[in-house]
């Protein structure tokens, strides 16, 4: 469903471009309704040619044109961006942040009272339309604001709404999670190579196996333990492999990885307050 509003991306890196591509493909926005602010001339030209959107070197110019502002810069430059655009941001504009670890309160402090803010935690599979994004609504954002923000991220995958204090856990599961899965894909492929498969074939099989298994969980709605049992025959090959994983602490390692990433996200959030 079209938003019918001008959307400005302040910062035009890979995640911003993934959102632009998804919005245009889904019909959520037309190219004429998108403006990308980007300091590098070559990158501006690339975005203009590739997607037909408006581009500018000025964050302020982009903000003045738009009703929805997507803050898509790195967390370490967020303060400078907010200070720059604050004079042009008023309560009529919806502010959507994708900066990891930057709390809503820290954004509101620089944009002023009444700022309508939705904080999000997307992940890199959004680059191929398979993202997982969690969104949290700030105190001045409306239900309509939240619905509009959800529509932005549903254009590149799945979007869920959570309380802001759960975004650190989201970071641990889906924000950092792709890196954990990439390690698993790499390890599966290495196992295939060890047992004689050519690396390109091992890697293709490993990646498709992970993609297919994830899709099976989502489309069947079955508990992953039940799906695991369906391919684990008595005295068979799979149970032998599962036993080896359990002996190596596979599940405990993944749980510990999510816990460590969540703790680090909280630390970064505290530093940004």
Protein backbone atom coordinates (compact mmCIF):
# COMPACT_ATOMS: atom_id res chain seq x y z
CA UNK A 1 0.00 0.00 0.00
CA UNK A 2 1.52 3.37 -0.99
CA UNK A 3 2.44 5.70 1.85
CA UNK A 4 1.84 8.77 -0.27
CA UNK A 5 4.53 10.71 1.55
CA UNK A 6 8.01 11.98 0.65
CA UNK A 7 10.69 9.85 2.33
CA UNK A 8 14.22 11.12 2.99
CA UNK A 9 17.12 8.80 3.67
CA UNK A 10 19.82 10.58 5.64
CA UNK A 11 22.79 8.36 4.87
CA UNK A 12 22.66 6.20 1.78
CA UNK A 13 24.68 3.08 2.51
CA UNK A 14 23.75 -0.54 1.80
CA UNK A 15 20.84 -0.75 4.24
CA UNK A 16 19.32 2.49 3.00
CA UNK A 17 19.61 1.32 -0.59
CA UNK A 18 18.01 -2.02 0.31
CA UNK A 19 15.05 -0.12 1.77
CA UNK A 20 14.79 2.12 -1.28
CA UNK A 21 14.86 -0.88 -3.60
CA UNK A 22 12.24 -2.70 -1.52
CA UNK A 23 9.94 0.32 -1.25
CA UNK A 24 9.98 0.87 -5.00
CA UNK A 25 9.50 -2.82 -5.82
CA UNK A 26 6.59 -3.15 -3.38
CA UNK A 27 4.92 0.04 -4.57
CA UNK A 28 5.12 1.48 -1.05
CA UNK A 29 6.73 4.57 -2.55
CA UNK A 30 7.38 5.91 -6.03
CA UNK A 31 10.82 7.07 -7.10
CA UNK A 32 9.56 10.67 -7.11
CA UNK A 33 8.70 10.31 -3.42
CA UNK A 34 12.23 9.32 -2.31
CA UNK A 35 15.24 11.55 -1.74
CA UNK A 36 18.64 10.25 -0.63
CA UNK A 37 21.14 12.49 1.14
CA UNK A 38 24.71 11.39 0.50
CA UNK A 39 27.98 13.37 0.73
CA UNK A 40 29.80 11.47 -2.04
CA UNK A 41 29.02 12.63 -5.57
CA UNK A 42 29.76 9.23 -7.15
CA UNK A 43 27.39 7.48 -4.75
CA UNK A 44 24.65 10.06 -5.40
CA UNK A 45 24.94 9.48 -9.14
CA UNK A 46 24.89 5.72 -8.63
CA UNK A 47 21.64 5.90 -6.62
CA UNK A 48 20.03 8.27 -9.10
CA UNK A 49 20.85 6.08 -12.11
CA UNK A 50 20.04 2.79 -10.40
CA UNK A 51 16.73 3.73 -8.79
CA UNK A 52 15.59 7.02 -10.35
CA UNK A 53 15.30 8.73 -6.96
CA UNK A 54 16.20 12.33 -6.11
CA UNK A 55 19.61 12.85 -4.52
CA UNK A 56 21.26 15.67 -2.62
CA UNK A 57 24.45 16.39 -0.74
CA UNK A 58 22.52 18.30 1.93
CA UNK A 59 20.82 16.56 4.86
CA UNK A 60 18.89 19.74 5.62
CA UNK A 61 17.58 19.95 2.07
CA UNK A 62 16.37 16.35 2.24
CA UNK A 63 14.69 16.93 5.61
CA UNK A 64 12.84 20.01 4.37
CA UNK A 65 11.42 18.04 1.41
CA UNK A 66 10.15 15.03 3.34
CA UNK A 67 7.49 13.96 5.82
CA UNK A 68 9.28 10.72 6.78
CA UNK A 69 12.96 10.84 7.75
CA UNK A 70 15.01 7.64 7.85
CA UNK A 71 18.17 8.09 9.93
CA UNK A 72 20.46 5.62 8.21
CA UNK A 73 23.90 6.75 9.34
CA UNK A 74 26.35 4.88 11.55
CA UNK A 75 25.73 5.29 15.31
CA UNK A 76 29.01 7.14 15.83
CA UNK A 77 27.92 10.03 13.60
CA UNK A 78 24.30 10.15 14.78
CA UNK A 79 24.86 13.02 17.22
CA UNK A 80 26.36 15.24 14.53
CA UNK A 81 23.52 14.42 12.13
CA UNK A 82 20.84 15.18 14.72
CA UNK A 83 22.43 18.49 15.64
CA UNK A 84 22.57 19.41 11.95
CA UNK A 85 18.96 18.60 11.12
CA UNK A 86 17.29 19.62 14.39
CA UNK A 87 16.35 23.14 13.15
CA UNK A 88 14.35 21.61 10.28
CA UNK A 89 12.62 18.82 12.26
CA UNK A 90 9.24 19.55 13.78
CA UNK A 91 6.45 17.32 15.15
CA UNK A 92 4.87 17.05 11.70
CA UNK A 93 7.70 14.74 10.58
CA UNK A 94 8.08 11.05 11.40
CA UNK A 95 11.65 10.09 12.33
CA UNK A 96 12.67 6.46 11.80
CA UNK A 97 16.09 5.40 13.10
CA UNK A 98 18.01 2.30 12.02
CA UNK A 99 21.11 3.17 14.07
CA UNK A 100 22.00 0.28 16.37
CA UNK A 101 22.22 1.08 20.06
CA UNK A 102 20.98 4.68 19.90
CA UNK A 103 17.99 5.02 22.27
CA UNK A 104 14.84 6.95 21.43
CA UNK A 105 15.52 9.28 24.37
CA UNK A 106 18.95 10.21 22.96
CA UNK A 107 17.41 11.09 19.59
CA UNK A 108 14.56 13.04 21.20
CA UNK A 109 16.96 15.02 23.36
CA UNK A 110 18.55 16.52 20.24
CA UNK A 111 15.44 16.88 18.10
CA UNK A 112 13.31 18.53 20.76
CA UNK A 113 10.07 17.90 22.58
CA UNK A 114 7.31 16.25 20.62
CA UNK A 115 9.54 14.50 18.07
CA UNK A 116 7.73 11.50 16.60
CA UNK A 117 10.35 8.73 16.67
CA UNK A 118 10.30 5.03 15.78
CA UNK A 119 13.50 3.12 16.52
CA UNK A 120 14.24 -0.02 14.52
CA UNK A 121 16.71 -2.90 14.41
CA UNK A 122 16.92 -4.31 10.87
CA UNK A 123 19.45 -6.88 9.65
CA UNK A 124 21.58 -7.38 6.56
CA UNK A 125 19.38 -9.99 4.79
CA UNK A 126 17.18 -6.99 3.98
CA UNK A 127 19.68 -6.53 1.14
CA UNK A 128 18.05 -9.53 -0.59
CA UNK A 129 14.49 -8.89 0.59
CA UNK A 130 14.72 -11.37 3.47
CA UNK A 131 15.23 -8.97 6.37
CA UNK A 132 14.01 -9.34 9.95
CA UNK A 133 13.27 -5.97 11.58
CA UNK A 134 11.95 -5.09 15.03
CA UNK A 135 10.42 -1.68 15.67
CA UNK A 136 9.76 0.26 18.87
CA UNK A 137 7.51 3.31 19.09
CA UNK A 138 8.60 6.46 20.90
CA UNK A 139 6.24 8.27 23.29
CA UNK A 140 5.10 10.86 20.74
CA UNK A 141 4.76 8.54 17.74
CA UNK A 142 1.21 7.51 16.91
CA UNK A 143 -0.20 4.13 15.91
CA UNK A 144 -0.37 5.49 12.36
CA UNK A 145 3.32 6.40 12.56
CA UNK A 146 4.13 2.87 13.67
CA UNK A 147 2.06 1.39 10.83
CA UNK A 148 3.92 3.54 8.30
CA UNK A 149 7.29 2.49 9.73
CA UNK A 150 6.27 -1.17 9.65
CA UNK A 151 5.30 -0.78 5.98
CA UNK A 152 8.80 0.52 5.21
CA UNK A 153 10.43 -2.61 6.56
CA UNK A 154 7.86 -5.11 5.35
CA UNK A 155 9.02 -4.05 1.89
CA UNK A 156 12.33 -5.85 2.63
CA UNK A 157 11.20 -8.79 4.76
CA UNK A 158 9.47 -9.41 8.08
CA UNK A 159 8.72 -6.68 10.62
CA UNK A 160 7.62 -7.08 14.25
CA UNK A 161 6.78 -4.54 16.97
CA UNK A 162 8.41 -4.76 20.41
CA UNK A 163 8.99 -2.54 23.44
CA UNK A 164 12.21 -0.58 23.21
CA UNK A 165 13.79 -2.43 26.12
CA UNK A 166 13.66 -5.63 24.04
CA UNK A 167 15.66 -4.21 21.12
CA UNK A 168 18.94 -5.30 22.69
CA UNK A 169 17.72 -8.90 22.69
CA UNK A 170 16.54 -8.42 19.10
CA UNK A 171 20.06 -7.28 18.26
CA UNK A 172 21.42 -10.49 19.77
CA UNK A 173 19.04 -12.73 17.82
CA UNK A 174 18.43 -11.16 14.40
CA UNK A 175 20.79 -8.18 14.29
CA UNK A 176 23.93 -10.19 14.99
CA UNK A 177 22.33 -13.53 14.09
CA UNK A 178 23.25 -13.49 10.38
CA UNK A 179 26.94 -13.60 11.35
CA UNK A 180 26.28 -16.69 13.48
CA UNK A 181 24.46 -18.33 10.58
CA UNK A 182 27.26 -17.42 8.15
CA UNK A 183 29.67 -19.23 10.49
CA UNK A 184 27.38 -22.27 10.42
CA UNK A 185 27.19 -22.20 6.61
CA UNK A 186 30.97 -21.91 6.38
CA UNK A 187 31.45 -24.78 8.84
CA UNK A 188 28.96 -27.01 7.01
CA UNK A 189 30.77 -26.33 3.75
CA UNK A 190 34.15 -27.04 5.38
CA UNK A 191 32.75 -30.34 6.62
CA UNK A 192 31.69 -31.22 3.10
CA UNK A 193 35.14 -30.33 1.76
CA UNK A 194 36.75 -32.47 4.46
CA UNK A 195 34.64 -35.40 3.31
CA UNK A 196 35.57 -34.90 -0.36
CA UNK A 197 33.11 -32.45 -1.89
CA UNK A 198 34.42 -29.68 -4.16
CA UNK A 199 34.16 -26.38 -2.26
CA UNK A 200 31.70 -24.64 -4.65
CA UNK A 201 29.32 -27.59 -4.41
CA UNK A 202 29.72 -27.86 -0.62
CA UNK A 203 29.05 -24.16 -0.17
CA UNK A 204 26.01 -24.15 -2.45
CA UNK A 205 24.52 -27.14 -0.65
CA UNK A 206 25.24 -25.69 2.79
CA UNK A 207 23.73 -22.26 1.99
CA UNK A 208 20.62 -23.73 0.39
CA UNK A 209 20.18 -26.17 3.27
CA UNK A 210 20.16 -23.30 5.79
CA UNK A 211 17.84 -21.18 3.61
CA UNK A 212 15.48 -24.12 3.06
CA UNK A 213 15.42 -25.13 6.71
CA UNK A 214 14.56 -21.58 7.76
CA UNK A 215 11.79 -21.38 5.17
CA UNK A 216 10.40 -24.72 6.40
CA UNK A 217 10.13 -23.39 9.96
CA UNK A 218 8.39 -20.21 8.78
CA UNK A 219 5.98 -21.81 6.33
CA UNK A 220 4.94 -24.87 8.37
CA UNK A 221 4.79 -23.12 11.74
CA UNK A 222 6.13 -26.32 13.28
CA UNK A 223 8.51 -26.25 16.24
CA UNK A 224 12.08 -26.72 14.95
CA UNK A 225 12.52 -29.63 17.35
CA UNK A 226 9.65 -31.47 15.63
CA UNK A 227 11.11 -30.77 12.19
CA UNK A 228 14.49 -32.03 13.43
CA UNK A 229 12.86 -35.24 14.64
CA UNK A 230 11.30 -35.80 11.20
CA UNK A 231 14.76 -36.18 9.63
CA UNK A 232 16.35 -38.05 12.53
CA UNK A 233 15.85 -41.77 11.93
CA UNK A 234 16.73 -44.40 14.56
CA UNK A 235 20.41 -45.36 14.33
CA UNK A 236 20.73 -43.18 11.24
CA UNK A 237 23.17 -40.60 9.93
CA UNK A 238 21.40 -37.51 11.28
CA UNK A 239 21.22 -38.66 14.90
CA UNK A 240 24.94 -39.42 14.74
CA UNK A 241 25.56 -35.85 13.61
CA UNK A 242 23.17 -34.40 16.21
CA UNK A 243 24.99 -36.32 18.92
CA UNK A 244 28.29 -34.83 17.76
CA UNK A 245 26.79 -31.32 17.88
CA UNK A 246 25.40 -31.86 21.38
CA UNK A 247 28.75 -33.19 22.58
CA UNK A 248 30.43 -30.04 21.23
CA UNK A 249 27.95 -27.74 22.97
CA UNK A 250 26.41 -26.39 19.75
CA UNK A 251 23.15 -25.13 21.23
CA UNK A 252 24.82 -23.75 24.34
CA UNK A 253 27.30 -21.87 22.13
CA UNK A 254 24.52 -20.21 20.13
CA UNK A 255 22.64 -19.22 23.27
CA UNK A 256 25.85 -17.77 24.71
CA UNK A 257 26.46 -15.85 21.45
CA UNK A 258 22.99 -14.24 21.62
CA UNK A 259 23.54 -13.41 25.29
CA UNK A 260 26.96 -11.82 24.60
CA UNK A 261 25.64 -9.76 21.67
CA UNK A 262 22.67 -8.59 23.75
CA UNK A 263 24.95 -7.52 26.61
CA UNK A 264 27.17 -5.58 24.23
CA UNK A 265 24.15 -3.86 22.68
CA UNK A 266 23.06 -2.75 26.14
CA UNK A 267 26.53 -1.38 26.86
CA UNK A 268 26.51 0.62 23.63
CA UNK A 269 23.04 1.93 24.42
CA UNK A 270 24.12 3.08 27.86
CA UNK A 271 27.08 4.92 26.32
CA UNK A 272 24.75 6.70 23.88
CA UNK A 273 22.35 7.96 26.56
